[in-house]
Amino acid sequence: MNQPEDELGGKIAGHLEAGLARMDQGTRERLLVARKLALSRYRDEPAPAGAWAWAGRTVARFGGHHPHALRYALGAVALITALIGVTYWQSNSGPANGVADIDARILTDELPINAYLDKGFDSWLKRSSR
């Protein structure tokens, strides 16, 4: 612990000791019985934690008193936001590639080769691509 925390702990302990000195004997005995009862119910093994306990430990380990914790968190949020944005942009860019879609439909169609050699078909393709 650092110096300010030690001083604060000492002040708190001093106040608790002063309060104990002013307390009557009956109250002290009831507190002692309550303390013994609580210690008898105490388990040495930790209680099973929920499924998300690992997340809390990870956040506490990396986000505790680390001086750059906020910077790391903001960087991670920015990276995740950018990845989501790029994924959204890529999934919605279908209409811009319409020429390739038309070409694929023409090439997979079962037209005879003479249809591609016809000059009228060529002019039809030029008109339909506009």
N, C-alpha and C. Protein backbone atom coordinates (compact mmCIF):
# COMPACT_ATOMS: atom_id res chain seq x y z
N MET A 1 0.85 -1.19 0.00
CA MET A 1 0.00 0.00 0.00
C MET A 1 0.88 1.23 0.00
N ASN A 2 0.39 2.27 -0.56
CA ASN A 2 1.18 3.49 -0.57
C ASN A 2 0.88 4.33 0.67
N GLN A 3 1.59 5.39 0.83
CA GLN A 3 1.55 6.18 2.06
C GLN A 3 0.16 6.76 2.37
N PRO A 4 -0.55 7.39 1.41
CA PRO A 4 -1.88 7.93 1.76
C PRO A 4 -2.86 6.85 2.20
N GLU A 5 -2.80 5.67 1.61
CA GLU A 5 -3.70 4.60 2.03
C GLU A 5 -3.35 4.10 3.43
N ASP A 6 -2.07 4.05 3.76
CA ASP A 6 -1.65 3.66 5.12
C ASP A 6 -2.16 4.66 6.15
N GLU A 7 -2.06 5.94 5.82
CA GLU A 7 -2.53 6.97 6.75
C GLU A 7 -4.04 6.87 6.94
N LEU A 8 -4.76 6.66 5.85
CA LEU A 8 -6.21 6.53 5.94
C LEU A 8 -6.58 5.31 6.76
N GLY A 9 -5.90 4.19 6.54
CA GLY A 9 -6.17 2.99 7.32
C GLY A 9 -5.90 3.20 8.80
N GLY A 10 -4.83 3.91 9.11
CA GLY A 10 -4.52 4.22 10.51
C GLY A 10 -5.58 5.09 11.16
N LYS A 11 -6.09 6.08 10.42
CA LYS A 11 -7.13 6.95 10.96
C LYS A 11 -8.42 6.16 11.21
N ILE A 12 -8.77 5.28 10.27
CA ILE A 12 -9.99 4.48 10.43
C ILE A 12 -9.85 3.56 11.64
N ALA A 13 -8.68 2.91 11.77
CA ALA A 13 -8.46 2.02 12.92
C ALA A 13 -8.53 2.80 14.22
N GLY A 14 -8.01 4.00 14.25
CA GLY A 14 -8.06 4.84 15.45
C GLY A 14 -9.49 5.18 15.84
N HIS A 15 -10.32 5.52 14.84
CA HIS A 15 -11.72 5.83 15.12
C HIS A 15 -12.47 4.59 15.61
N LEU A 16 -12.15 3.43 15.04
CA LEU A 16 -12.81 2.20 15.49
C LEU A 16 -12.42 1.86 16.93
N GLU A 17 -11.17 2.03 17.25
CA GLU A 17 -10.70 1.77 18.62
C GLU A 17 -11.35 2.73 19.61
N ALA A 18 -11.48 4.00 19.23
CA ALA A 18 -12.11 4.98 20.11
C ALA A 18 -13.58 4.64 20.31
N GLY A 19 -14.25 4.19 19.25
CA GLY A 19 -15.66 3.80 19.38
C GLY A 19 -15.82 2.58 20.25
N LEU A 20 -14.87 1.64 20.16
CA LEU A 20 -14.93 0.43 20.98
C LEU A 20 -14.75 0.78 22.46
N ALA A 21 -13.89 1.76 22.75
CA ALA A 21 -13.67 2.16 24.14
C ALA A 21 -14.92 2.79 24.75
N ARG A 22 -15.72 3.47 23.94
CA ARG A 22 -16.93 4.11 24.44
C ARG A 22 -18.12 3.15 24.53
N MET A 23 -17.99 1.96 23.96
CA MET A 23 -19.10 1.00 23.91
C MET A 23 -19.25 0.27 25.25
N ASP A 24 -20.50 0.01 25.66
CA ASP A 24 -20.70 -0.69 26.92
C ASP A 24 -20.41 -2.19 26.75
N GLN A 25 -20.24 -2.89 27.87
CA GLN A 25 -19.82 -4.30 27.88
C GLN A 25 -20.85 -5.21 27.21
N GLY A 26 -22.12 -4.98 27.39
CA GLY A 26 -23.17 -5.82 26.80
C GLY A 26 -23.13 -5.79 25.27
N THR A 27 -22.95 -4.60 24.72
CA THR A 27 -22.88 -4.47 23.26
C THR A 27 -21.65 -5.17 22.72
N ARG A 28 -20.53 -5.04 23.41
CA ARG A 28 -19.30 -5.71 22.96
C ARG A 28 -19.47 -7.23 22.97
N GLU A 29 -20.17 -7.76 23.98
CA GLU A 29 -20.38 -9.21 24.04
C GLU A 29 -21.30 -9.68 22.92
N ARG A 30 -22.34 -8.91 22.62
CA ARG A 30 -23.23 -9.28 21.51
C ARG A 30 -22.47 -9.25 20.18
N LEU A 31 -21.62 -8.26 20.00
CA LEU A 31 -20.81 -8.19 18.78
C LEU A 31 -19.85 -9.38 18.69
N LEU A 32 -19.28 -9.80 19.81
CA LEU A 32 -18.38 -10.94 19.83
C LEU A 32 -19.12 -12.23 19.46
N VAL A 33 -20.33 -12.39 19.98
CA VAL A 33 -21.14 -13.58 19.63
C VAL A 33 -21.48 -13.56 18.14
N ALA A 34 -21.86 -12.40 17.61
CA ALA A 34 -22.19 -12.29 16.20
C ALA A 34 -20.98 -12.58 15.32
N ARG A 35 -19.81 -12.13 15.76
CA ARG A 35 -18.58 -12.39 15.00
C ARG A 35 -18.26 -13.88 14.99
N LYS A 36 -18.39 -14.54 16.13
CA LYS A 36 -18.12 -15.98 16.20
C LYS A 36 -19.09 -16.76 15.33
N LEU A 37 -20.36 -16.35 15.32
CA LEU A 37 -21.36 -17.01 14.48
C LEU A 37 -21.03 -16.83 13.00
N ALA A 38 -20.61 -15.63 12.63
CA ALA A 38 -20.25 -15.38 11.23
C ALA A 38 -19.03 -16.20 10.83
N LEU A 39 -18.05 -16.30 11.72
CA LEU A 39 -16.86 -17.09 11.41
C LEU A 39 -17.16 -18.58 11.34
N SER A 40 -18.14 -19.04 12.10
CA SER A 40 -18.50 -20.46 12.02
C SER A 40 -19.19 -20.79 10.70
N ARG A 41 -19.86 -19.84 10.11
CA ARG A 41 -20.54 -20.05 8.83
C ARG A 41 -19.61 -19.82 7.63
N TYR A 42 -18.46 -19.29 7.90
CA TYR A 42 -17.52 -18.99 6.81
C TYR A 42 -16.96 -20.29 6.23
N ARG A 43 -16.92 -20.37 4.90
CA ARG A 43 -16.37 -21.53 4.22
C ARG A 43 -14.97 -21.19 3.72
N ASP A 44 -14.07 -22.15 3.89
CA ASP A 44 -12.72 -21.92 3.38
C ASP A 44 -12.66 -21.97 1.86
N GLU A 45 -13.50 -22.79 1.26
CA GLU A 45 -13.51 -22.89 -0.19
C GLU A 45 -14.42 -21.82 -0.75
N PRO A 46 -14.04 -21.21 -1.87
CA PRO A 46 -14.88 -20.15 -2.43
C PRO A 46 -16.18 -20.73 -3.00
N ALA A 47 -17.21 -19.95 -2.93
CA ALA A 47 -18.49 -20.36 -3.49
C ALA A 47 -18.38 -20.38 -5.01
N PRO A 48 -19.09 -21.29 -5.68
CA PRO A 48 -19.00 -21.34 -7.14
C PRO A 48 -19.52 -20.04 -7.75
N ALA A 49 -18.76 -19.54 -8.70
CA ALA A 49 -19.12 -18.29 -9.34
C ALA A 49 -19.95 -18.56 -10.58
N GLY A 50 -20.58 -17.54 -11.07
CA GLY A 50 -21.38 -17.67 -12.28
C GLY A 50 -20.51 -17.85 -13.51
N ALA A 51 -21.15 -18.03 -14.62
CA ALA A 51 -20.44 -18.29 -15.87
C ALA A 51 -19.63 -17.09 -16.34
N TRP A 52 -20.00 -15.89 -15.92
CA TRP A 52 -19.31 -14.69 -16.40
C TRP A 52 -18.23 -14.21 -15.43
N ALA A 53 -17.88 -15.01 -14.46
CA ALA A 53 -16.88 -14.58 -13.48
C ALA A 53 -15.53 -14.33 -14.12
N TRP A 54 -15.19 -15.10 -15.16
CA TRP A 54 -13.90 -14.90 -15.85
C TRP A 54 -13.83 -13.52 -16.46
N ALA A 55 -14.96 -12.99 -16.92
CA ALA A 55 -14.96 -11.66 -17.54
C ALA A 55 -14.66 -10.60 -16.49
N GLY A 56 -15.23 -10.75 -15.31
CA GLY A 56 -14.95 -9.79 -14.25
C GLY A 56 -13.49 -9.81 -13.82
N ARG A 57 -12.93 -11.02 -13.73
CA ARG A 57 -11.51 -11.11 -13.37
C ARG A 57 -10.63 -10.49 -14.45
N THR A 58 -10.97 -10.72 -15.71
CA THR A 58 -10.17 -10.17 -16.80
C THR A 58 -10.25 -8.65 -16.81
N VAL A 59 -11.44 -8.10 -16.63
CA VAL A 59 -11.58 -6.65 -16.60
C VAL A 59 -10.83 -6.08 -15.41
N ALA A 60 -10.91 -6.75 -14.27
CA ALA A 60 -10.21 -6.26 -13.08
C ALA A 60 -8.70 -6.32 -13.27
N ARG A 61 -8.22 -7.37 -13.93
CA ARG A 61 -6.79 -7.52 -14.13
C ARG A 61 -6.24 -6.47 -15.08
N PHE A 62 -6.95 -6.25 -16.19
CA PHE A 62 -6.43 -5.33 -17.19
C PHE A 62 -6.95 -3.91 -17.02
N GLY A 63 -8.06 -3.74 -16.35
CA GLY A 63 -8.64 -2.41 -16.25
C GLY A 63 -8.53 -1.81 -14.87
N GLY A 64 -7.86 -2.46 -13.97
CA GLY A 64 -7.77 -1.99 -12.60
C GLY A 64 -7.14 -0.62 -12.47
N HIS A 65 -5.92 -0.57 -11.98
CA HIS A 65 -5.24 0.70 -11.78
C HIS A 65 -4.15 0.91 -12.82
N HIS A 66 -4.31 0.28 -13.96
CA HIS A 66 -3.32 0.43 -15.03
C HIS A 66 -3.44 1.84 -15.58
N PRO A 67 -2.31 2.56 -15.74
CA PRO A 67 -2.40 3.96 -16.17
C PRO A 67 -2.94 4.14 -17.59
N HIS A 68 -2.81 3.13 -18.44
CA HIS A 68 -3.27 3.26 -19.83
C HIS A 68 -4.51 2.43 -20.11
N ALA A 69 -5.25 2.03 -19.08
CA ALA A 69 -6.41 1.14 -19.27
C ALA A 69 -7.47 1.80 -20.13
N LEU A 70 -7.75 3.06 -19.93
CA LEU A 70 -8.77 3.75 -20.72
C LEU A 70 -8.33 3.85 -22.17
N ARG A 71 -7.06 4.10 -22.40
CA ARG A 71 -6.55 4.19 -23.76
C ARG A 71 -6.71 2.85 -24.49
N TYR A 72 -6.41 1.75 -23.80
CA TYR A 72 -6.56 0.42 -24.40
C TYR A 72 -8.03 0.13 -24.70
N ALA A 73 -8.90 0.48 -23.77
CA ALA A 73 -10.33 0.22 -23.97
C ALA A 73 -10.88 1.03 -25.14
N LEU A 74 -10.49 2.29 -25.25
CA LEU A 74 -10.96 3.11 -26.37
C LEU A 74 -10.41 2.59 -27.69
N GLY A 75 -9.18 2.13 -27.70
CA GLY A 75 -8.61 1.55 -28.91
C GLY A 75 -9.35 0.29 -29.34
N ALA A 76 -9.69 -0.55 -28.37
CA ALA A 76 -10.43 -1.78 -28.68
C ALA A 76 -11.81 -1.45 -29.21
N VAL A 77 -12.48 -0.48 -28.62
CA VAL A 77 -13.81 -0.08 -29.09
C VAL A 77 -13.73 0.49 -30.50
N ALA A 78 -12.71 1.30 -30.78
CA ALA A 78 -12.55 1.86 -32.12
C ALA A 78 -12.28 0.77 -33.15
N LEU A 79 -11.46 -0.21 -32.81
CA LEU A 79 -11.16 -1.31 -33.72
C LEU A 79 -12.41 -2.14 -34.01
N ILE A 80 -13.17 -2.46 -32.99
CA ILE A 80 -14.38 -3.26 -33.17
C ILE A 80 -15.40 -2.48 -34.01
N THR A 81 -15.54 -1.18 -33.76
CA THR A 81 -16.46 -0.36 -34.53
C THR A 81 -16.05 -0.30 -36.00
N ALA A 82 -14.75 -0.17 -36.26
CA ALA A 82 -14.27 -0.14 -37.63
C ALA A 82 -14.52 -1.46 -38.34
N LEU A 83 -14.30 -2.57 -37.65
CA LEU A 83 -14.55 -3.88 -38.26
C LEU A 83 -16.03 -4.08 -38.58
N ILE A 84 -16.89 -3.66 -37.68
CA ILE A 84 -18.33 -3.77 -37.93
C ILE A 84 -18.73 -2.88 -39.10
N GLY A 85 -18.17 -1.68 -39.17
CA GLY A 85 -18.48 -0.77 -40.28
C GLY A 85 -18.03 -1.31 -41.62
N VAL A 86 -16.83 -1.87 -41.69
CA VAL A 86 -16.33 -2.43 -42.95
C VAL A 86 -17.17 -3.63 -43.36
N THR A 87 -17.53 -4.46 -42.42
CA THR A 87 -18.37 -5.62 -42.73
C THR A 87 -19.73 -5.17 -43.26
N TYR A 88 -20.33 -4.17 -42.65
CA TYR A 88 -21.62 -3.66 -43.10
C TYR A 88 -21.50 -3.06 -44.49
N TRP A 89 -20.44 -2.29 -44.72
CA TRP A 89 -20.23 -1.65 -46.01
C TRP A 89 -20.04 -2.69 -47.11
N GLN A 90 -19.27 -3.73 -46.83
CA GLN A 90 -19.03 -4.77 -47.83
C GLN A 90 -20.30 -5.56 -48.13
N SER A 91 -21.11 -5.79 -47.14
CA SER A 91 -22.31 -6.59 -47.37
C SER A 91 -23.38 -5.81 -48.12
N ASN A 92 -23.33 -4.49 -48.08
CA ASN A 92 -24.34 -3.68 -48.75
C ASN A 92 -23.86 -3.04 -50.04
N SER A 93 -22.73 -3.48 -50.58
CA SER A 93 -22.21 -2.86 -51.79
C SER A 93 -22.57 -3.68 -53.03
N GLY A 94 -23.67 -4.42 -52.98
CA GLY A 94 -24.08 -5.27 -54.10
C GLY A 94 -24.52 -4.50 -55.34
N PRO A 95 -25.39 -3.49 -55.27
CA PRO A 95 -25.88 -2.82 -56.47
C PRO A 95 -24.78 -2.11 -57.26
N ALA A 96 -23.69 -1.72 -56.64
CA ALA A 96 -22.62 -1.05 -57.37
C ALA A 96 -21.92 -1.99 -58.34
N ASN A 97 -22.08 -3.28 -58.13
CA ASN A 97 -21.42 -4.26 -58.98
C ASN A 97 -22.46 -4.92 -59.90
N GLY A 98 -23.39 -4.14 -60.43
CA GLY A 98 -24.46 -4.67 -61.25
C GLY A 98 -24.00 -5.18 -62.61
N VAL A 99 -22.95 -4.59 -63.19
CA VAL A 99 -22.45 -5.04 -64.49
C VAL A 99 -21.96 -6.47 -64.40
N ALA A 100 -21.26 -6.79 -63.34
CA ALA A 100 -20.78 -8.16 -63.16
C ALA A 100 -21.94 -9.12 -62.99
N ASP A 101 -22.99 -8.66 -62.34
CA ASP A 101 -24.18 -9.51 -62.18
C ASP A 101 -24.85 -9.78 -63.52
N ILE A 102 -24.94 -8.76 -64.36
CA ILE A 102 -25.53 -8.94 -65.70
C ILE A 102 -24.66 -9.88 -66.52
N ASP A 103 -23.35 -9.69 -66.48
CA ASP A 103 -22.44 -10.57 -67.21
C ASP A 103 -22.58 -12.02 -66.76
N ALA A 104 -22.69 -12.22 -65.47
CA ALA A 104 -22.83 -13.59 -64.97
C ALA A 104 -24.14 -14.21 -65.42
N ARG A 105 -25.21 -13.43 -65.46
CA ARG A 105 -26.49 -13.95 -65.92
C ARG A 105 -26.45 -14.30 -67.41
N ILE A 106 -25.80 -13.47 -68.18
CA ILE A 106 -25.71 -13.74 -69.61
C ILE A 106 -24.86 -14.98 -69.86
N LEU A 107 -23.74 -15.10 -69.15
CA LEU A 107 -22.84 -16.22 -69.38
C LEU A 107 -23.41 -17.54 -68.88
N THR A 108 -24.27 -17.51 -67.89
CA THR A 108 -24.85 -18.76 -67.40
C THR A 108 -26.14 -19.11 -68.10
N ASP A 109 -26.63 -18.23 -68.94
CA ASP A 109 -27.85 -18.52 -69.68
C ASP A 109 -27.56 -19.53 -70.79
N GLU A 110 -28.56 -20.24 -71.22
CA GLU A 110 -28.37 -21.26 -72.24
C GLU A 110 -28.72 -20.70 -73.62
N LEU A 111 -28.08 -19.64 -74.00
CA LEU A 111 -28.29 -19.07 -75.33
C LEU A 111 -27.37 -19.75 -76.33
N PRO A 112 -27.83 -19.91 -77.54
CA PRO A 112 -26.92 -20.46 -78.55
C PRO A 112 -25.85 -19.44 -78.91
N ILE A 113 -24.73 -19.91 -79.41
CA ILE A 113 -23.60 -19.03 -79.74
C ILE A 113 -23.97 -18.03 -80.81
N ASN A 114 -24.92 -18.35 -81.67
CA ASN A 114 -25.33 -17.43 -82.73
C ASN A 114 -25.98 -16.16 -82.16
N ALA A 115 -26.58 -16.27 -80.97
CA ALA A 115 -27.20 -15.10 -80.37
C ALA A 115 -26.13 -14.06 -80.00
N TYR A 116 -24.98 -14.52 -79.62
CA TYR A 116 -23.90 -13.59 -79.29
C TYR A 116 -23.27 -12.98 -80.54
N LEU A 117 -23.37 -13.67 -81.67
CA LEU A 117 -22.81 -13.16 -82.92
C LEU A 117 -23.77 -12.21 -83.63
N ASP A 118 -25.01 -12.18 -83.25
CA ASP A 118 -26.01 -11.32 -83.86
C ASP A 118 -25.73 -9.87 -83.50
N LYS A 119 -25.74 -8.97 -84.49
CA LYS A 119 -25.46 -7.55 -84.25
C LYS A 119 -26.59 -6.88 -83.46
N GLY A 120 -27.79 -7.33 -83.61
CA GLY A 120 -28.90 -6.78 -82.85
C GLY A 120 -28.77 -7.10 -81.36
N PHE A 121 -28.23 -8.26 -81.07
CA PHE A 121 -28.02 -8.65 -79.67
C PHE A 121 -26.98 -7.74 -79.02
N ASP A 122 -25.95 -7.39 -79.78
CA ASP A 122 -24.90 -6.50 -79.28
C ASP A 122 -25.48 -5.12 -78.96
N SER A 123 -26.33 -4.61 -79.85
CA SER A 123 -26.95 -3.31 -79.59
C SER A 123 -27.91 -3.39 -78.42
N TRP A 124 -28.59 -4.51 -78.26
CA TRP A 124 -29.48 -4.69 -77.12
C TRP A 124 -28.70 -4.66 -75.81
N LEU A 125 -27.50 -5.30 -75.82
CA LEU A 125 -26.66 -5.29 -74.62
C LEU A 125 -26.22 -3.88 -74.26
N LYS A 126 -25.87 -3.09 -75.27
CA LYS A 126 -25.42 -1.71 -75.01
C LYS A 126 -26.56 -0.88 -74.45
N ARG A 127 -27.77 -1.08 -74.95
CA ARG A 127 -28.93 -0.32 -74.46
C ARG A 127 -29.31 -0.75 -73.05
N SER A 128 -29.23 -2.04 -72.77
CA SER A 128 -29.67 -2.52 -71.44
C SER A 128 -28.68 -2.21 -70.34
N SER A 129 -27.43 -1.93 -70.70
CA SER A 129 -26.45 -1.63 -69.65
C SER A 129 -26.53 -0.19 -69.19
N ARG A 130 -27.31 0.64 -69.88
CA ARG A 130 -27.44 2.05 -69.49
C ARG A 130 -28.36 2.19 -68.36
